[in-house]
Amino acid sequence: MTLSNPTQSEAKIGENVILKQTRLGQYVHISDDAIFEEVDIDDYSYTAGHNQIHYASIGKFASIATYVRINPGNHPTYQRIAQHHFTYRSSAYDLGQDDNDFFNWRREHAVTLGHDVWIGHNAVIMPGVKIGNGAVIGSSSVVTKDVEPFSIVAGVAAKKIGMRFEDSLIERIERSQWWNWSHQTLEERMPEFRNLDSFVEKYL
């Protein structure tokens, strides 16, 4: 685990959290009972607890609810006689060395989350999926395909059910890249963050 700035802004980590080869940005908050493996989670993002996230890149200001799983493991349903993980986690059963190629496949199909993404309770993001900036993933959804920026998706498998804003406003928000503003700028502009019309009038 590495912290990008070991000061008062360093990440807050709850109890029973396992971090393997994971980078945490500033003001990140990882709540209890989480497992992160080869994850890069950028500034201000948080997970609400009981999360399992593997091989993923997470942008700034991501809001990840409880029990969300990102890039879960798959079993070899069609490729092998046995689906059980003894064929790739062999060392756990004294059956030889683990099958690293099996794990490398998931690593090569990393998940990418943009900035200001909200993932609802109990959602699952499958390997290789890319989620655009500002998107919303409904609770208990299973996301199997890429999600366009500022769209709202839900269901099993998840489908688009709407957009947060009109295309012209989305374009202006993307152009502003407010998620890259300095901490001081965020603080100074907090009143506008709390009022959409004011923000649009002043900064877009």
N, C-alpha and C. Protein backbone atom coordinates (compact mmCIF):
# COMPACT_ATOMS: atom_id res chain seq x y z
N MET A 1 0.84 -1.19 0.00
CA MET A 1 0.00 0.00 0.00
C MET A 1 0.87 1.24 0.00
N THR A 2 0.49 2.25 -0.79
CA THR A 2 1.19 3.52 -0.76
C THR A 2 0.19 4.64 -0.61
N LEU A 3 0.58 5.69 0.07
CA LEU A 3 -0.24 6.88 0.22
C LEU A 3 0.41 8.01 -0.55
N SER A 4 -0.38 8.75 -1.33
CA SER A 4 0.21 9.76 -2.20
C SER A 4 0.66 10.99 -1.42
N ASN A 5 0.14 11.20 -0.22
CA ASN A 5 0.52 12.37 0.57
C ASN A 5 0.31 12.07 2.06
N PRO A 6 1.34 11.62 2.76
CA PRO A 6 1.17 11.18 4.15
C PRO A 6 1.06 12.36 5.13
N THR A 7 -0.02 13.13 5.02
CA THR A 7 -0.28 14.25 5.91
C THR A 7 -1.68 14.08 6.46
N GLN A 8 -2.30 15.18 6.91
CA GLN A 8 -3.66 15.09 7.42
C GLN A 8 -4.64 14.64 6.35
N SER A 9 -4.25 14.73 5.08
CA SER A 9 -5.13 14.32 3.99
C SER A 9 -4.95 12.86 3.60
N GLU A 10 -4.15 12.12 4.36
CA GLU A 10 -3.90 10.73 3.97
C GLU A 10 -5.18 9.90 4.10
N ALA A 11 -5.18 8.76 3.45
CA ALA A 11 -6.36 7.91 3.40
C ALA A 11 -6.78 7.44 4.80
N LYS A 12 -8.08 7.30 4.97
CA LYS A 12 -8.63 6.73 6.20
C LYS A 12 -9.04 5.30 5.91
N ILE A 13 -8.53 4.39 6.71
CA ILE A 13 -8.74 2.97 6.45
C ILE A 13 -9.42 2.34 7.65
N GLY A 14 -10.52 1.65 7.42
CA GLY A 14 -11.29 1.02 8.49
C GLY A 14 -10.66 -0.26 8.99
N GLU A 15 -11.43 -1.02 9.73
CA GLU A 15 -10.96 -2.27 10.31
C GLU A 15 -11.14 -3.43 9.33
N ASN A 16 -10.26 -4.40 9.47
CA ASN A 16 -10.33 -5.62 8.67
C ASN A 16 -10.28 -5.31 7.17
N VAL A 17 -9.32 -4.45 6.80
CA VAL A 17 -9.12 -4.08 5.41
C VAL A 17 -7.81 -4.67 4.92
N ILE A 18 -7.84 -5.35 3.78
CA ILE A 18 -6.65 -5.94 3.18
C ILE A 18 -6.34 -5.19 1.89
N LEU A 19 -5.14 -4.64 1.81
CA LEU A 19 -4.70 -3.90 0.62
C LEU A 19 -3.46 -4.57 0.05
N LYS A 20 -3.56 -5.06 -1.18
CA LYS A 20 -2.44 -5.71 -1.85
C LYS A 20 -2.07 -4.91 -3.10
N GLN A 21 -0.85 -4.39 -3.12
CA GLN A 21 -0.36 -3.62 -4.27
C GLN A 21 -1.39 -2.58 -4.71
N THR A 22 -1.78 -1.75 -3.76
CA THR A 22 -2.84 -0.77 -3.98
C THR A 22 -2.34 0.62 -3.66
N ARG A 23 -2.69 1.59 -4.53
CA ARG A 23 -2.33 2.99 -4.29
C ARG A 23 -3.58 3.77 -3.93
N LEU A 24 -3.50 4.52 -2.84
CA LEU A 24 -4.61 5.33 -2.38
C LEU A 24 -4.25 6.81 -2.49
N GLY A 25 -5.15 7.59 -3.09
CA GLY A 25 -4.93 9.02 -3.21
C GLY A 25 -5.26 9.76 -1.92
N GLN A 26 -5.24 11.08 -2.00
CA GLN A 26 -5.55 11.92 -0.85
C GLN A 26 -7.05 11.91 -0.55
N TYR A 27 -7.38 11.98 0.74
CA TYR A 27 -8.76 12.04 1.21
C TYR A 27 -9.59 10.81 0.81
N VAL A 28 -8.93 9.72 0.50
CA VAL A 28 -9.63 8.47 0.22
C VAL A 28 -10.09 7.86 1.54
N HIS A 29 -11.25 7.23 1.54
CA HIS A 29 -11.77 6.56 2.73
C HIS A 29 -12.21 5.15 2.35
N ILE A 30 -11.55 4.16 2.97
CA ILE A 30 -11.89 2.76 2.75
C ILE A 30 -12.52 2.23 4.04
N SER A 31 -13.80 1.91 4.01
CA SER A 31 -14.50 1.45 5.21
C SER A 31 -14.22 -0.02 5.48
N ASP A 32 -14.78 -0.53 6.58
CA ASP A 32 -14.45 -1.84 7.13
C ASP A 32 -14.69 -2.99 6.15
N ASP A 33 -13.96 -4.06 6.41
CA ASP A 33 -14.19 -5.36 5.76
C ASP A 33 -14.08 -5.27 4.24
N ALA A 34 -12.93 -4.82 3.79
CA ALA A 34 -12.70 -4.66 2.36
C ALA A 34 -11.43 -5.38 1.93
N ILE A 35 -11.44 -5.84 0.69
CA ILE A 35 -10.25 -6.45 0.08
C ILE A 35 -9.98 -5.73 -1.23
N PHE A 36 -8.79 -5.14 -1.33
CA PHE A 36 -8.36 -4.47 -2.56
C PHE A 36 -7.10 -5.18 -3.05
N GLU A 37 -7.07 -5.50 -4.33
CA GLU A 37 -5.89 -6.14 -4.91
C GLU A 37 -5.57 -5.47 -6.24
N GLU A 38 -4.37 -4.89 -6.31
CA GLU A 38 -3.91 -4.18 -7.51
C GLU A 38 -4.94 -3.14 -7.96
N VAL A 39 -5.21 -2.22 -7.06
CA VAL A 39 -6.19 -1.16 -7.29
C VAL A 39 -5.50 0.19 -7.17
N ASP A 40 -5.85 1.11 -8.07
CA ASP A 40 -5.42 2.50 -7.98
C ASP A 40 -6.68 3.32 -7.77
N ILE A 41 -6.83 3.91 -6.58
CA ILE A 41 -8.03 4.69 -6.26
C ILE A 41 -7.61 6.13 -5.99
N ASP A 42 -8.14 7.04 -6.78
CA ASP A 42 -7.66 8.41 -6.79
C ASP A 42 -8.34 9.26 -5.71
N ASP A 43 -7.95 10.52 -5.64
CA ASP A 43 -8.31 11.44 -4.55
C ASP A 43 -9.83 11.53 -4.33
N TYR A 44 -10.21 11.63 -3.04
CA TYR A 44 -11.57 11.90 -2.57
C TYR A 44 -12.54 10.73 -2.76
N SER A 45 -12.12 9.64 -3.33
CA SER A 45 -13.02 8.52 -3.53
C SER A 45 -13.19 7.73 -2.25
N TYR A 46 -14.32 7.03 -2.14
CA TYR A 46 -14.56 6.23 -0.92
C TYR A 46 -15.33 4.96 -1.23
N THR A 47 -15.14 3.99 -0.36
CA THR A 47 -15.96 2.77 -0.39
C THR A 47 -16.62 2.64 0.97
N ALA A 48 -17.87 2.20 1.00
CA ALA A 48 -18.69 2.24 2.21
C ALA A 48 -18.60 0.98 3.06
N GLY A 49 -17.87 -0.04 2.59
CA GLY A 49 -17.66 -1.22 3.43
C GLY A 49 -18.08 -2.51 2.76
N HIS A 50 -17.41 -3.60 3.17
CA HIS A 50 -17.71 -4.95 2.67
C HIS A 50 -17.54 -5.00 1.15
N ASN A 51 -16.46 -4.38 0.67
CA ASN A 51 -16.19 -4.34 -0.76
C ASN A 51 -15.05 -5.26 -1.14
N GLN A 52 -15.13 -5.85 -2.32
CA GLN A 52 -14.03 -6.61 -2.91
C GLN A 52 -13.75 -6.01 -4.28
N ILE A 53 -12.54 -5.47 -4.42
CA ILE A 53 -12.16 -4.80 -5.67
C ILE A 53 -10.80 -5.33 -6.11
N HIS A 54 -10.75 -5.85 -7.32
CA HIS A 54 -9.52 -6.45 -7.85
C HIS A 54 -9.20 -5.83 -9.21
N TYR A 55 -7.92 -5.56 -9.44
CA TYR A 55 -7.44 -5.13 -10.75
C TYR A 55 -8.33 -4.02 -11.32
N ALA A 56 -8.24 -2.85 -10.74
CA ALA A 56 -9.12 -1.74 -11.15
C ALA A 56 -8.42 -0.41 -10.98
N SER A 57 -8.82 0.54 -11.82
CA SER A 57 -8.39 1.93 -11.73
C SER A 57 -9.63 2.77 -11.47
N ILE A 58 -9.63 3.51 -10.36
CA ILE A 58 -10.80 4.26 -9.92
C ILE A 58 -10.44 5.74 -9.89
N GLY A 59 -11.25 6.56 -10.55
CA GLY A 59 -10.97 7.98 -10.64
C GLY A 59 -11.24 8.73 -9.34
N LYS A 60 -11.25 10.05 -9.43
CA LYS A 60 -11.49 10.91 -8.28
C LYS A 60 -12.99 11.01 -7.98
N PHE A 61 -13.31 11.21 -6.70
CA PHE A 61 -14.68 11.45 -6.24
C PHE A 61 -15.62 10.29 -6.54
N ALA A 62 -15.12 9.08 -6.60
CA ALA A 62 -15.99 7.92 -6.78
C ALA A 62 -16.69 7.60 -5.47
N SER A 63 -17.98 7.26 -5.56
CA SER A 63 -18.79 6.90 -4.40
C SER A 63 -19.22 5.44 -4.57
N ILE A 64 -18.64 4.56 -3.79
CA ILE A 64 -18.86 3.13 -3.96
C ILE A 64 -19.55 2.58 -2.71
N ALA A 65 -20.78 2.14 -2.86
CA ALA A 65 -21.62 1.73 -1.73
C ALA A 65 -21.19 0.37 -1.17
N THR A 66 -21.86 -0.05 -0.11
CA THR A 66 -21.54 -1.31 0.55
C THR A 66 -21.81 -2.50 -0.38
N TYR A 67 -20.99 -3.52 -0.20
CA TYR A 67 -21.12 -4.81 -0.88
C TYR A 67 -20.91 -4.74 -2.39
N VAL A 68 -20.39 -3.63 -2.89
CA VAL A 68 -20.04 -3.57 -4.31
C VAL A 68 -18.83 -4.45 -4.57
N ARG A 69 -18.89 -5.20 -5.66
CA ARG A 69 -17.75 -6.01 -6.11
C ARG A 69 -17.33 -5.52 -7.50
N ILE A 70 -16.04 -5.34 -7.64
CA ILE A 70 -15.49 -4.89 -8.92
C ILE A 70 -14.46 -5.91 -9.41
N ASN A 71 -14.65 -6.38 -10.62
CA ASN A 71 -13.79 -7.37 -11.26
C ASN A 71 -13.73 -8.67 -10.44
N PRO A 72 -14.89 -9.30 -10.23
CA PRO A 72 -14.89 -10.57 -9.48
C PRO A 72 -14.28 -11.69 -10.30
N GLY A 73 -13.89 -12.73 -9.62
CA GLY A 73 -13.33 -13.89 -10.32
C GLY A 73 -14.40 -14.70 -11.01
N ASN A 74 -14.02 -15.35 -12.09
CA ASN A 74 -14.92 -16.26 -12.81
C ASN A 74 -14.42 -17.68 -12.66
N HIS A 75 -15.31 -18.62 -12.78
CA HIS A 75 -14.93 -20.03 -12.76
C HIS A 75 -14.90 -20.55 -14.20
N PRO A 76 -14.06 -21.53 -14.48
CA PRO A 76 -13.91 -22.04 -15.85
C PRO A 76 -15.06 -22.96 -16.25
N THR A 77 -16.19 -22.35 -16.57
CA THR A 77 -17.43 -23.11 -16.83
C THR A 77 -17.31 -23.98 -18.08
N TYR A 78 -16.69 -23.44 -19.14
CA TYR A 78 -16.62 -24.16 -20.42
C TYR A 78 -15.22 -24.67 -20.74
N GLN A 79 -14.21 -24.11 -20.08
CA GLN A 79 -12.84 -24.38 -20.48
C GLN A 79 -12.24 -25.62 -19.82
N ARG A 80 -12.84 -26.06 -18.69
CA ARG A 80 -12.25 -27.17 -17.95
C ARG A 80 -13.35 -28.12 -17.47
N ILE A 81 -12.97 -29.35 -17.20
CA ILE A 81 -13.92 -30.33 -16.68
C ILE A 81 -14.49 -29.88 -15.35
N ALA A 82 -13.59 -29.41 -14.46
CA ALA A 82 -14.00 -28.97 -13.13
C ALA A 82 -14.07 -27.45 -13.05
N GLN A 83 -15.13 -26.94 -12.43
CA GLN A 83 -15.26 -25.50 -12.22
C GLN A 83 -14.57 -25.03 -10.94
N HIS A 84 -14.40 -25.93 -10.01
CA HIS A 84 -13.85 -25.60 -8.69
C HIS A 84 -12.46 -25.01 -8.81
N HIS A 85 -12.11 -24.12 -7.88
CA HIS A 85 -10.84 -23.42 -8.02
C HIS A 85 -9.61 -24.25 -7.63
N PHE A 86 -9.78 -25.52 -7.33
CA PHE A 86 -8.59 -26.34 -7.10
C PHE A 86 -7.72 -26.45 -8.34
N THR A 87 -8.33 -26.20 -9.54
CA THR A 87 -7.53 -26.31 -10.77
C THR A 87 -6.66 -25.09 -11.01
N TYR A 88 -6.95 -23.97 -10.32
CA TYR A 88 -6.08 -22.80 -10.48
C TYR A 88 -5.51 -22.31 -9.15
N ARG A 89 -6.15 -22.61 -8.03
CA ARG A 89 -5.58 -22.35 -6.70
C ARG A 89 -5.05 -23.67 -6.13
N SER A 90 -4.27 -24.34 -6.91
CA SER A 90 -3.86 -25.71 -6.60
C SER A 90 -3.05 -25.82 -5.32
N SER A 91 -2.23 -24.82 -5.03
CA SER A 91 -1.37 -24.90 -3.85
C SER A 91 -2.17 -24.98 -2.56
N ALA A 92 -3.37 -24.43 -2.54
CA ALA A 92 -4.19 -24.45 -1.33
C ALA A 92 -4.65 -25.86 -0.98
N TYR A 93 -4.56 -26.77 -1.95
CA TYR A 93 -5.01 -28.14 -1.75
C TYR A 93 -3.87 -29.14 -1.89
N ASP A 94 -2.62 -28.61 -1.81
CA ASP A 94 -1.45 -29.47 -1.98
C ASP A 94 -1.50 -30.25 -3.28
N LEU A 95 -1.90 -29.56 -4.35
CA LEU A 95 -2.03 -30.20 -5.65
C LEU A 95 -1.12 -29.56 -6.70
N GLY A 96 -0.04 -28.94 -6.24
CA GLY A 96 0.92 -28.35 -7.16
C GLY A 96 0.84 -26.84 -7.16
N GLN A 97 1.47 -26.25 -8.18
CA GLN A 97 1.54 -24.79 -8.27
C GLN A 97 0.25 -24.20 -8.82
N ASP A 98 -0.01 -22.96 -8.42
CA ASP A 98 -1.19 -22.25 -8.93
C ASP A 98 -1.04 -21.98 -10.43
N ASP A 99 -2.16 -21.81 -11.09
CA ASP A 99 -2.20 -21.51 -12.52
C ASP A 99 -2.19 -20.00 -12.70
N ASN A 100 -1.02 -19.42 -12.85
CA ASN A 100 -0.90 -17.96 -12.95
C ASN A 100 -1.59 -17.40 -14.19
N ASP A 101 -1.65 -18.16 -15.26
CA ASP A 101 -2.31 -17.67 -16.47
C ASP A 101 -3.79 -17.37 -16.21
N PHE A 102 -4.40 -18.17 -15.35
CA PHE A 102 -5.80 -17.95 -15.03
C PHE A 102 -6.01 -16.59 -14.35
N PHE A 103 -5.11 -16.25 -13.43
CA PHE A 103 -5.22 -14.97 -12.73
C PHE A 103 -4.80 -13.81 -13.63
N ASN A 104 -3.86 -14.04 -14.51
CA ASN A 104 -3.41 -12.98 -15.40
C ASN A 104 -4.52 -12.52 -16.34
N TRP A 105 -5.42 -13.42 -16.69
CA TRP A 105 -6.53 -13.03 -17.56
C TRP A 105 -7.34 -11.92 -16.91
N ARG A 106 -7.66 -12.04 -15.64
CA ARG A 106 -8.45 -11.02 -14.95
C ARG A 106 -7.65 -9.72 -14.81
N ARG A 107 -6.37 -9.85 -14.57
CA ARG A 107 -5.50 -8.67 -14.48
C ARG A 107 -5.49 -7.92 -15.82
N GLU A 108 -5.46 -8.65 -16.92
CA GLU A 108 -5.46 -8.04 -18.24
C GLU A 108 -6.81 -7.44 -18.62
N HIS A 109 -7.86 -7.82 -17.88
CA HIS A 109 -9.20 -7.27 -18.11
C HIS A 109 -9.59 -6.38 -16.93
N ALA A 110 -8.71 -5.43 -16.64
CA ALA A 110 -8.94 -4.52 -15.52
C ALA A 110 -10.19 -3.67 -15.75
N VAL A 111 -10.80 -3.23 -14.66
CA VAL A 111 -11.97 -2.34 -14.71
C VAL A 111 -11.49 -0.90 -14.56
N THR A 112 -12.11 0.01 -15.28
CA THR A 112 -11.77 1.43 -15.20
C THR A 112 -13.01 2.24 -14.85
N LEU A 113 -12.92 3.01 -13.76
CA LEU A 113 -13.98 3.93 -13.37
C LEU A 113 -13.50 5.35 -13.58
N GLY A 114 -14.34 6.18 -14.18
CA GLY A 114 -14.02 7.59 -14.35
C GLY A 114 -14.18 8.36 -13.05
N HIS A 115 -14.27 9.68 -13.17
CA HIS A 115 -14.41 10.56 -12.01
C HIS A 115 -15.89 10.76 -11.67
N ASP A 116 -16.16 10.94 -10.37
CA ASP A 116 -17.51 11.24 -9.88
C ASP A 116 -18.52 10.16 -10.26
N VAL A 117 -18.08 8.91 -10.24
CA VAL A 117 -18.98 7.78 -10.50
C VAL A 117 -19.63 7.35 -9.19
N TRP A 118 -20.91 7.02 -9.25
CA TRP A 118 -21.64 6.52 -8.08
C TRP A 118 -22.11 5.10 -8.38
N ILE A 119 -21.66 4.16 -7.54
CA ILE A 119 -22.06 2.77 -7.70
C ILE A 119 -22.92 2.37 -6.50
N GLY A 120 -24.15 1.96 -6.77
CA GLY A 120 -25.10 1.64 -5.72
C GLY A 120 -24.83 0.32 -5.02
N HIS A 121 -25.48 0.15 -3.89
CA HIS A 121 -25.34 -1.01 -3.01
C HIS A 121 -25.46 -2.33 -3.77
N ASN A 122 -24.51 -3.22 -3.51
CA ASN A 122 -24.57 -4.61 -3.97
C ASN A 122 -24.40 -4.76 -5.49
N ALA A 123 -23.94 -3.73 -6.17
CA ALA A 123 -23.70 -3.85 -7.61
C ALA A 123 -22.43 -4.65 -7.88
N VAL A 124 -22.36 -5.23 -9.06
CA VAL A 124 -21.20 -6.00 -9.50
C VAL A 124 -20.74 -5.44 -10.84
N ILE A 125 -19.46 -5.11 -10.93
CA ILE A 125 -18.87 -4.63 -12.18
C ILE A 125 -17.96 -5.72 -12.71
N MET A 126 -18.31 -6.27 -13.85
CA MET A 126 -17.60 -7.43 -14.38
C MET A 126 -16.27 -7.03 -15.03
N PRO A 127 -15.37 -8.01 -15.24
CA PRO A 127 -14.05 -7.72 -15.79
C PRO A 127 -14.11 -6.97 -17.12
N GLY A 128 -13.15 -6.04 -17.29
CA GLY A 128 -12.98 -5.35 -18.55
C GLY A 128 -13.89 -4.16 -18.78
N VAL A 129 -14.82 -3.90 -17.87
CA VAL A 129 -15.80 -2.82 -18.06
C VAL A 129 -15.15 -1.46 -17.82
N LYS A 130 -15.54 -0.47 -18.62
CA LYS A 130 -15.12 0.92 -18.44
C LYS A 130 -16.37 1.75 -18.16
N ILE A 131 -16.33 2.52 -17.07
CA ILE A 131 -17.45 3.36 -16.67
C ILE A 131 -17.04 4.82 -16.79
N GLY A 132 -17.80 5.58 -17.55
CA GLY A 132 -17.44 6.96 -17.84
C GLY A 132 -17.67 7.91 -16.68
N ASN A 133 -17.11 9.11 -16.78
CA ASN A 133 -17.26 10.13 -15.76
C ASN A 133 -18.73 10.39 -15.45
N GLY A 134 -19.04 10.62 -14.18
CA GLY A 134 -20.37 11.06 -13.78
C GLY A 134 -21.47 10.04 -13.90
N ALA A 135 -21.15 8.79 -14.19
CA ALA A 135 -22.17 7.76 -14.38
C ALA A 135 -22.74 7.30 -13.05
N VAL A 136 -23.94 6.72 -13.10
CA VAL A 136 -24.62 6.15 -11.94
C VAL A 136 -24.94 4.69 -12.24
N ILE A 137 -24.57 3.81 -11.30
CA ILE A 137 -24.87 2.38 -11.41
C ILE A 137 -25.89 2.04 -10.34
N GLY A 138 -27.06 1.58 -10.73
CA GLY A 138 -28.13 1.29 -9.78
C GLY A 138 -27.79 0.14 -8.85
N SER A 139 -28.42 0.13 -7.68
CA SER A 139 -28.20 -0.93 -6.69
C SER A 139 -28.51 -2.30 -7.28
N SER A 140 -27.70 -3.28 -6.91
CA SER A 140 -27.86 -4.69 -7.30
C SER A 140 -27.75 -4.92 -8.81
N SER A 141 -27.20 -3.95 -9.52
CA SER A 141 -26.98 -4.13 -10.95
C SER A 141 -25.78 -5.02 -11.21
N VAL A 142 -25.78 -5.68 -12.36
CA VAL A 142 -24.63 -6.43 -12.84
C VAL A 142 -24.21 -5.79 -14.16
N VAL A 143 -23.05 -5.13 -14.14
CA VAL A 143 -22.62 -4.35 -15.30
C VAL A 143 -21.66 -5.20 -16.13
N THR A 144 -22.07 -5.52 -17.34
CA THR A 144 -21.28 -6.39 -18.22
C THR A 144 -20.70 -5.66 -19.42
N LYS A 145 -21.17 -4.41 -19.66
CA LYS A 145 -20.72 -3.63 -20.81
C LYS A 145 -20.30 -2.24 -20.36
N ASP A 146 -19.52 -1.56 -21.20
CA ASP A 146 -19.08 -0.21 -20.89
C ASP A 146 -20.28 0.71 -20.67
N VAL A 147 -20.07 1.72 -19.81
CA VAL A 147 -21.13 2.67 -19.45
C VAL A 147 -20.68 4.06 -19.88
N GLU A 148 -21.52 4.75 -20.66
CA GLU A 148 -21.13 6.06 -21.18
C GLU A 148 -21.19 7.12 -20.08
N PRO A 149 -20.41 8.19 -20.23
CA PRO A 149 -20.37 9.24 -19.21
C PRO A 149 -21.75 9.82 -18.90
N PHE A 150 -22.02 10.06 -17.62
CA PHE A 150 -23.23 10.73 -17.12
C PHE A 150 -24.51 9.96 -17.41
N SER A 151 -24.40 8.70 -17.78
CA SER A 151 -25.59 7.88 -17.96
C SER A 151 -25.95 7.18 -16.66
N ILE A 152 -27.20 6.73 -16.58
CA ILE A 152 -27.71 5.98 -15.42
C ILE A 152 -28.08 4.60 -15.93
N VAL A 153 -27.49 3.57 -15.34
CA VAL A 153 -27.78 2.20 -15.76
C VAL A 153 -28.25 1.39 -14.55
N ALA A 154 -29.06 0.39 -14.82
CA ALA A 154 -29.57 -0.47 -13.74
C ALA A 154 -30.04 -1.78 -14.33
N GLY A 155 -30.09 -2.80 -13.48
CA GLY A 155 -30.65 -4.09 -13.87
C GLY A 155 -29.62 -5.18 -14.00
N VAL A 156 -30.12 -6.38 -14.37
CA VAL A 156 -29.29 -7.57 -14.56
C VAL A 156 -29.67 -8.16 -15.91
N ALA A 157 -28.83 -8.05 -16.91
CA ALA A 157 -27.63 -7.22 -16.97
C ALA A 157 -28.04 -5.75 -17.10
N ALA A 158 -27.15 -4.85 -16.64
CA ALA A 158 -27.48 -3.44 -16.56
C ALA A 158 -27.73 -2.84 -17.94
N LYS A 159 -28.77 -1.98 -18.02
CA LYS A 159 -29.09 -1.26 -19.24
C LYS A 159 -29.28 0.22 -18.91
N LYS A 160 -29.06 1.07 -19.91
CA LYS A 160 -29.24 2.50 -19.69
C LYS A 160 -30.71 2.82 -19.49
N ILE A 161 -30.99 3.58 -18.41
CA ILE A 161 -32.37 3.99 -18.15
C ILE A 161 -32.53 5.50 -18.21
N GLY A 162 -31.43 6.22 -18.40
CA GLY A 162 -31.53 7.67 -18.51
C GLY A 162 -30.17 8.32 -18.51
N MET A 163 -30.21 9.65 -18.60
CA MET A 163 -29.00 10.48 -18.55
C MET A 163 -29.18 11.51 -17.45
N ARG A 164 -28.08 11.87 -16.80
CA ARG A 164 -28.17 12.86 -15.73
C ARG A 164 -28.45 14.25 -16.28
N PHE A 165 -27.86 14.61 -17.42
CA PHE A 165 -27.99 15.95 -17.97
C PHE A 165 -28.12 15.86 -19.49
N GLU A 166 -28.46 16.99 -20.10
CA GLU A 166 -28.48 17.07 -21.56
C GLU A 166 -27.06 17.05 -22.10
N ASP A 167 -26.94 16.67 -23.38
CA ASP A 167 -25.62 16.51 -23.99
C ASP A 167 -24.78 17.78 -23.91
N SER A 168 -25.41 18.93 -24.13
CA SER A 168 -24.64 20.17 -24.14
C SER A 168 -24.04 20.47 -22.77
N LEU A 169 -24.79 20.18 -21.70
CA LEU A 169 -24.27 20.40 -20.36
C LEU A 169 -23.18 19.39 -20.03
N ILE A 170 -23.37 18.15 -20.43
CA ILE A 170 -22.36 17.12 -20.21
C ILE A 170 -21.04 17.53 -20.85
N GLU A 171 -21.11 18.04 -22.07
CA GLU A 171 -19.90 18.48 -22.77
C GLU A 171 -19.19 19.58 -21.99
N ARG A 172 -19.95 20.51 -21.45
CA ARG A 172 -19.35 21.61 -20.69
C ARG A 172 -18.74 21.12 -19.38
N ILE A 173 -19.41 20.19 -18.73
CA ILE A 173 -18.86 19.63 -17.48
C ILE A 173 -17.55 18.90 -17.76
N GLU A 174 -17.55 18.08 -18.79
CA GLU A 174 -16.34 17.34 -19.15
C GLU A 174 -15.19 18.32 -19.47
N ARG A 175 -15.53 19.41 -20.15
CA ARG A 175 -14.51 20.39 -20.50
C ARG A 175 -13.94 21.07 -19.25
N SER A 176 -14.78 21.28 -18.25
CA SER A 176 -14.33 21.97 -17.04
C SER A 176 -13.34 21.15 -16.22
N GLN A 177 -13.50 19.81 -16.27
CA GLN A 177 -12.66 18.90 -15.48
C GLN A 177 -12.55 19.37 -14.03
N TRP A 178 -13.69 19.69 -13.43
CA TRP A 178 -13.68 20.21 -12.06
C TRP A 178 -13.02 19.25 -11.09
N TRP A 179 -13.01 17.96 -11.39
CA TRP A 179 -12.41 16.96 -10.51
C TRP A 179 -10.89 17.13 -10.39
N ASN A 180 -10.31 17.92 -11.29
CA ASN A 180 -8.87 18.20 -11.20
C ASN A 180 -8.57 19.54 -10.53
N TRP A 181 -9.59 20.25 -10.07
CA TRP A 181 -9.34 21.49 -9.37
C TRP A 181 -8.59 21.24 -8.07
N SER A 182 -7.85 22.22 -7.63
CA SER A 182 -7.09 22.09 -6.38
C SER A 182 -8.04 22.01 -5.19
N HIS A 183 -7.49 21.53 -4.08
CA HIS A 183 -8.28 21.43 -2.85
C HIS A 183 -8.78 22.82 -2.43
N GLN A 184 -7.93 23.81 -2.58
CA GLN A 184 -8.31 25.17 -2.21
C GLN A 184 -9.45 25.68 -3.09
N THR A 185 -9.38 25.39 -4.39
CA THR A 185 -10.44 25.82 -5.30
C THR A 185 -11.75 25.14 -4.96
N LEU A 186 -11.71 23.86 -4.66
CA LEU A 186 -12.92 23.15 -4.25
C LEU A 186 -13.56 23.81 -3.03
N GLU A 187 -12.72 24.17 -2.07
CA GLU A 187 -13.23 24.81 -0.85
C GLU A 187 -13.86 26.17 -1.17
N GLU A 188 -13.18 26.95 -1.99
CA GLU A 188 -13.67 28.29 -2.33
C GLU A 188 -14.99 28.23 -3.10
N ARG A 189 -15.17 27.19 -3.90
CA ARG A 189 -16.34 27.10 -4.75
C ARG A 189 -17.42 26.17 -4.20
N MET A 190 -17.32 25.81 -2.93
CA MET A 190 -18.29 24.91 -2.33
C MET A 190 -19.73 25.42 -2.43
N PRO A 191 -20.01 26.72 -2.24
CA PRO A 191 -21.40 27.17 -2.39
C PRO A 191 -22.00 26.84 -3.75
N GLU A 192 -21.20 26.96 -4.80
CA GLU A 192 -21.70 26.66 -6.14
C GLU A 192 -21.87 25.15 -6.35
N PHE A 193 -21.02 24.34 -5.71
CA PHE A 193 -21.20 22.89 -5.81
C PHE A 193 -22.54 22.46 -5.23
N ARG A 194 -23.10 23.29 -4.35
CA ARG A 194 -24.37 22.94 -3.69
C ARG A 194 -25.58 23.51 -4.43
N ASN A 195 -25.34 24.14 -5.58
CA ASN A 195 -26.43 24.70 -6.36
C ASN A 195 -26.08 24.59 -7.84
N LEU A 196 -26.77 23.72 -8.54
CA LEU A 196 -26.44 23.42 -9.93
C LEU A 196 -26.47 24.66 -10.81
N ASP A 197 -27.53 25.46 -10.70
CA ASP A 197 -27.65 26.64 -11.55
C ASP A 197 -26.49 27.61 -11.33
N SER A 198 -26.12 27.82 -10.07
CA SER A 198 -25.02 28.73 -9.77
C SER A 198 -23.71 28.21 -10.34
N PHE A 199 -23.49 26.91 -10.23
CA PHE A 199 -22.26 26.32 -10.75
C PHE A 199 -22.18 26.50 -12.26
N VAL A 200 -23.30 26.20 -12.94
CA VAL A 200 -23.32 26.32 -14.40
C VAL A 200 -23.08 27.77 -14.81
N GLU A 201 -23.71 28.70 -14.12
CA GLU A 201 -23.58 30.11 -14.49
C GLU A 201 -22.16 30.63 -14.28
N LYS A 202 -21.51 30.19 -13.20
CA LYS A 202 -20.20 30.74 -12.86
C LYS A 202 -19.04 30.04 -13.57
N TYR A 203 -19.13 28.72 -13.71
CA TYR A 203 -17.93 27.97 -14.09
C TYR A 203 -18.05 27.18 -15.39
N LEU A 204 -19.24 27.16 -16.00
CA LEU A 204 -19.37 26.42 -17.23
C LEU A 204 -19.77 27.34 -18.39
